[in-house]
Amino acid sequence: MFTGIIETLGVVKGIEKEGTNVHFEISAPIAHELKIDQSVAHNGTCLTVVAIENDSYKVTAIDETLQKTNLKSWSVGKHINLERCMPANGRFDGHIVQGHVDQIGHVERIEEKDGSWLFDFSFDSSLGNLTVEKGSITVNGTSLTCFNSKKGRFSVAIIPYTYEYTNFHDLKVGDEVNLEFDIIGKYINRIIRGYSE
């Protein structure tokens, strides 16, 4: 369980393919605090730490994960948003995040607004996901509030702190982002739609 509050940025240090799996080596300031088998959200994707060495660690993504996230487009040097799972006695500063990416979205527009930034995103609404005006959304693992919520589109506002300390400052129009929709909204949507589809 995560909250969408990014702890730090990691950097992809190495990529190794093995069959349909991909092993990523991540350099991060928190590497020395991690343990084998620990879950860490990488751009909102929950991956298990399988090895640790000095200031870096390794995780493995299976084909299912690669197909549903932006991990397949990662390259050496890419900045990754990192969040360790929430301790049982921690505060929910963001919202309930599972680390299970629902689908990929795309950056449609970035507008600088005198010290803050507006980002417009699109996503394939035929997959059944939806946003709620002033509801929660996770973009690359970052807990944010939606507005301009429409079918297959939404906007978020980014404050200077978030812009600097997450990989939002690296995003460009056309980039892919990982989206995890609000879990409560997903459950309500599933109840209303049922399982007939």
Protein backbone atom coordinates (compact mmCIF):
# COMPACT_ATOMS: atom_id res chain seq x y z
CA MET A 1 0.00 0.00 0.00
CA PHE A 2 1.30 3.44 -0.99
CA THR A 3 0.06 7.01 -0.67
CA GLY A 4 1.40 8.66 -3.83
CA ILE A 5 3.80 10.92 -1.93
CA ILE A 6 7.12 10.58 -3.79
CA GLU A 7 10.12 10.09 -1.50
CA THR A 8 12.94 10.61 -3.94
CA LEU A 9 14.06 10.24 -7.55
CA GLY A 10 15.99 7.23 -8.74
CA VAL A 11 18.01 6.89 -11.95
CA VAL A 12 17.99 3.87 -14.25
CA LYS A 13 21.58 2.62 -14.16
CA GLY A 14 21.25 -0.60 -16.14
CA ILE A 15 18.74 -2.66 -18.13
CA GLU A 16 19.08 -6.40 -18.75
CA LYS A 17 16.62 -8.56 -20.68
CA GLU A 18 16.08 -12.19 -19.74
CA GLY A 19 13.43 -13.92 -21.81
CA THR A 20 10.30 -11.80 -21.54
CA ASN A 21 11.47 -10.29 -18.23
CA VAL A 22 13.51 -7.11 -17.83
CA HIS A 23 15.82 -6.44 -14.88
CA PHE A 24 16.30 -2.78 -13.99
CA GLU A 25 19.20 -1.51 -11.90
CA ILE A 26 18.19 1.67 -10.08
CA SER A 27 20.56 4.10 -8.39
CA ALA A 28 18.82 5.87 -5.48
CA PRO A 29 19.61 7.68 -2.23
CA ILE A 30 17.39 5.17 -0.35
CA ALA A 31 19.10 2.04 -1.75
CA HIS A 32 21.07 1.40 1.48
CA GLU A 33 17.79 1.44 3.47
CA LEU A 34 16.06 -1.18 1.31
CA LYS A 35 15.77 -4.91 1.94
CA ILE A 36 15.44 -7.87 -0.40
CA ASP A 37 11.73 -8.67 -1.08
CA GLN A 38 10.68 -5.10 -0.23
CA SER A 39 8.02 -3.46 -2.40
CA VAL A 40 8.86 -0.09 -3.94
CA ALA A 41 6.69 1.94 -6.31
CA HIS A 42 8.57 2.99 -9.46
CA ASN A 43 6.60 5.65 -11.36
CA GLY A 44 3.64 4.16 -9.52
CA THR A 45 4.44 0.54 -10.46
CA CYS A 46 4.98 -1.77 -7.48
CA LEU A 47 8.14 -3.84 -8.02
CA THR A 48 10.03 -6.16 -5.66
CA VAL A 49 13.67 -5.50 -4.72
CA VAL A 50 15.67 -8.59 -5.75
CA ALA A 51 19.27 -7.40 -5.17
CA ILE A 52 21.07 -4.50 -3.48
CA GLU A 53 24.62 -3.31 -4.02
CA ASN A 54 26.05 -0.07 -2.64
CA ASP A 55 23.89 2.84 -3.86
CA SER A 56 21.79 0.80 -6.29
CA TYR A 57 19.32 -2.08 -6.32
CA LYS A 58 17.61 -4.33 -8.86
CA VAL A 59 13.97 -5.04 -9.64
CA THR A 60 12.39 -7.29 -12.27
CA ALA A 61 9.41 -6.49 -14.48
CA ILE A 62 7.49 -9.32 -16.13
CA ASP A 63 5.89 -9.03 -19.57
CA GLU A 64 2.43 -8.22 -18.13
CA THR A 65 3.91 -5.23 -16.29
CA LEU A 66 5.86 -4.06 -19.33
CA GLN A 67 2.76 -4.16 -21.53
CA LYS A 68 0.59 -2.11 -19.17
CA THR A 69 3.10 0.53 -18.01
CA ASN A 70 5.69 2.92 -19.38
CA LEU A 71 8.53 0.73 -18.10
CA LYS A 72 9.04 -0.67 -21.60
CA SER A 73 10.23 2.78 -22.75
CA TRP A 74 12.71 3.31 -19.91
CA SER A 75 16.33 3.91 -20.88
CA VAL A 76 19.58 4.29 -18.93
CA GLY A 77 19.68 7.72 -17.29
CA LYS A 78 15.89 8.09 -16.94
CA HIS A 79 14.62 9.62 -13.67
CA ILE A 80 12.08 7.47 -11.80
CA ASN A 81 9.68 8.54 -9.03
CA LEU A 82 10.22 6.28 -5.99
CA GLU A 83 8.03 5.58 -2.96
CA ARG A 84 8.42 2.86 -0.35
CA CYS A 85 5.23 1.31 1.01
CA MET A 86 3.52 3.12 3.86
CA PRO A 87 4.31 1.93 7.40
CA ALA A 88 1.30 0.76 9.40
CA ASN A 89 1.65 3.75 11.75
CA GLY A 90 2.11 6.28 8.94
CA ARG A 91 -0.10 9.13 7.77
CA PHE A 92 -2.07 9.13 4.52
CA ASP A 93 -0.70 12.37 3.11
CA GLY A 94 -1.89 11.41 -0.38
CA HIS A 95 -4.56 8.80 -1.08
CA ILE A 96 -4.87 5.00 -1.13
CA VAL A 97 -2.52 3.78 -3.89
CA GLN A 98 -1.95 0.11 -4.66
CA GLY A 99 0.98 0.39 -7.04
CA HIS A 100 -1.09 -1.42 -9.68
CA VAL A 101 -1.02 0.70 -12.82
CA ASP A 102 -4.36 0.63 -14.64
CA GLN A 103 -3.17 1.98 -17.98
CA ILE A 104 -0.90 4.38 -19.80
CA GLY A 105 -1.85 8.01 -20.39
CA HIS A 106 -0.27 10.69 -22.58
CA VAL A 107 0.83 14.25 -21.89
CA GLU A 108 -1.29 16.47 -24.13
CA ARG A 109 -0.30 19.95 -22.93
CA ILE A 110 2.00 21.64 -20.41
CA GLU A 111 1.41 25.25 -19.44
CA GLU A 112 3.58 27.27 -17.07
CA LYS A 113 1.39 29.49 -14.88
CA ASP A 114 3.65 32.02 -13.12
CA GLY A 115 5.29 29.54 -10.75
CA SER A 116 3.05 26.50 -11.12
CA TRP A 117 2.29 24.21 -14.03
CA LEU A 118 -0.88 22.82 -15.61
CA PHE A 119 -0.67 19.40 -17.24
CA ASP A 120 -3.39 17.98 -19.50
CA PHE A 121 -3.50 14.20 -19.94
CA SER A 122 -5.44 11.85 -22.19
CA PHE A 123 -6.18 8.14 -21.80
CA ASP A 124 -8.10 5.43 -23.62
CA SER A 125 -11.55 5.57 -21.98
CA SER A 126 -12.66 2.38 -23.74
CA LEU A 127 -10.80 0.44 -21.02
CA GLY A 128 -13.50 1.55 -18.58
CA ASN A 129 -11.46 3.83 -16.32
CA LEU A 130 -12.71 7.27 -15.38
CA THR A 131 -11.74 10.29 -13.32
CA VAL A 132 -13.91 12.32 -10.98
CA GLU A 133 -13.79 16.12 -10.77
CA LYS A 134 -11.67 16.98 -7.70
CA GLY A 135 -11.05 13.27 -7.19
CA SER A 136 -7.69 11.56 -6.80
CA ILE A 137 -5.45 10.24 -9.58
CA THR A 138 -1.93 8.83 -9.52
CA VAL A 139 0.35 9.97 -12.37
CA ASN A 140 3.75 8.23 -12.43
CA GLY A 141 3.10 7.34 -8.80
CA THR A 142 2.32 10.92 -7.70
CA SER A 143 -0.94 11.53 -5.83
CA LEU A 144 -2.78 14.41 -7.52
CA THR A 145 -6.22 15.99 -7.76
CA CYS A 146 -8.10 15.93 -11.09
CA PHE A 147 -9.95 18.81 -12.63
CA ASN A 148 -11.37 19.40 -16.12
CA SER A 149 -12.43 15.77 -15.76
CA LYS A 150 -13.91 14.52 -19.05
CA LYS A 151 -14.17 11.21 -20.86
CA GLY A 152 -10.59 10.18 -21.58
CA ARG A 153 -9.10 13.47 -20.38
CA PHE A 154 -8.20 15.34 -17.20
CA SER A 155 -5.91 18.06 -15.92
CA VAL A 156 -3.73 18.48 -12.83
CA ALA A 157 -1.93 21.46 -11.30
CA ILE A 158 1.66 20.99 -10.15
CA ILE A 159 3.20 23.16 -7.44
CA PRO A 160 6.92 24.10 -7.61
CA TYR A 161 7.93 21.55 -4.93
CA THR A 162 6.30 18.64 -6.78
CA TYR A 163 7.70 19.86 -10.11
CA GLU A 164 11.25 19.92 -8.71
CA TYR A 165 11.23 16.75 -6.60
CA THR A 166 9.42 14.38 -9.00
CA ASN A 167 10.02 13.59 -12.65
CA PHE A 168 7.31 16.04 -13.75
CA HIS A 169 10.12 18.43 -14.72
CA ASP A 170 11.27 15.83 -17.29
CA LEU A 171 7.87 15.35 -18.96
CA LYS A 172 7.24 16.59 -22.50
CA VAL A 173 4.12 16.67 -24.67
CA GLY A 174 3.55 13.18 -26.08
CA ASP A 175 5.28 11.34 -23.22
CA GLU A 176 3.67 8.24 -21.73
CA VAL A 177 2.76 8.23 -18.03
CA ASN A 178 1.52 5.51 -15.70
CA LEU A 179 -2.02 6.06 -14.41
CA GLU A 180 -3.62 4.45 -11.38
CA PHE A 181 -7.22 5.58 -10.97
CA ASP A 182 -8.81 6.13 -7.56
CA ILE A 183 -9.58 2.74 -5.99
CA ILE A 184 -12.92 3.83 -4.52
CA GLY A 185 -14.03 5.16 -7.92
CA LYS A 186 -12.92 1.88 -9.54
CA TYR A 187 -14.97 -0.20 -7.12
CA ILE A 188 -18.08 1.96 -7.55
CA ASN A 189 -17.67 1.89 -11.33
CA ARG A 190 -17.35 -1.91 -11.28
CA ILE A 191 -20.46 -2.29 -9.09
CA ILE A 192 -22.49 -0.08 -11.42
CA ARG A 193 -21.23 -1.75 -14.62
CA GLY A 194 -21.23 -5.24 -13.21
CA TYR A 195 -19.13 -8.07 -14.66
CA SER A 196 -21.13 -8.67 -17.83
CA GLU A 197 -18.70 -6.83 -20.11
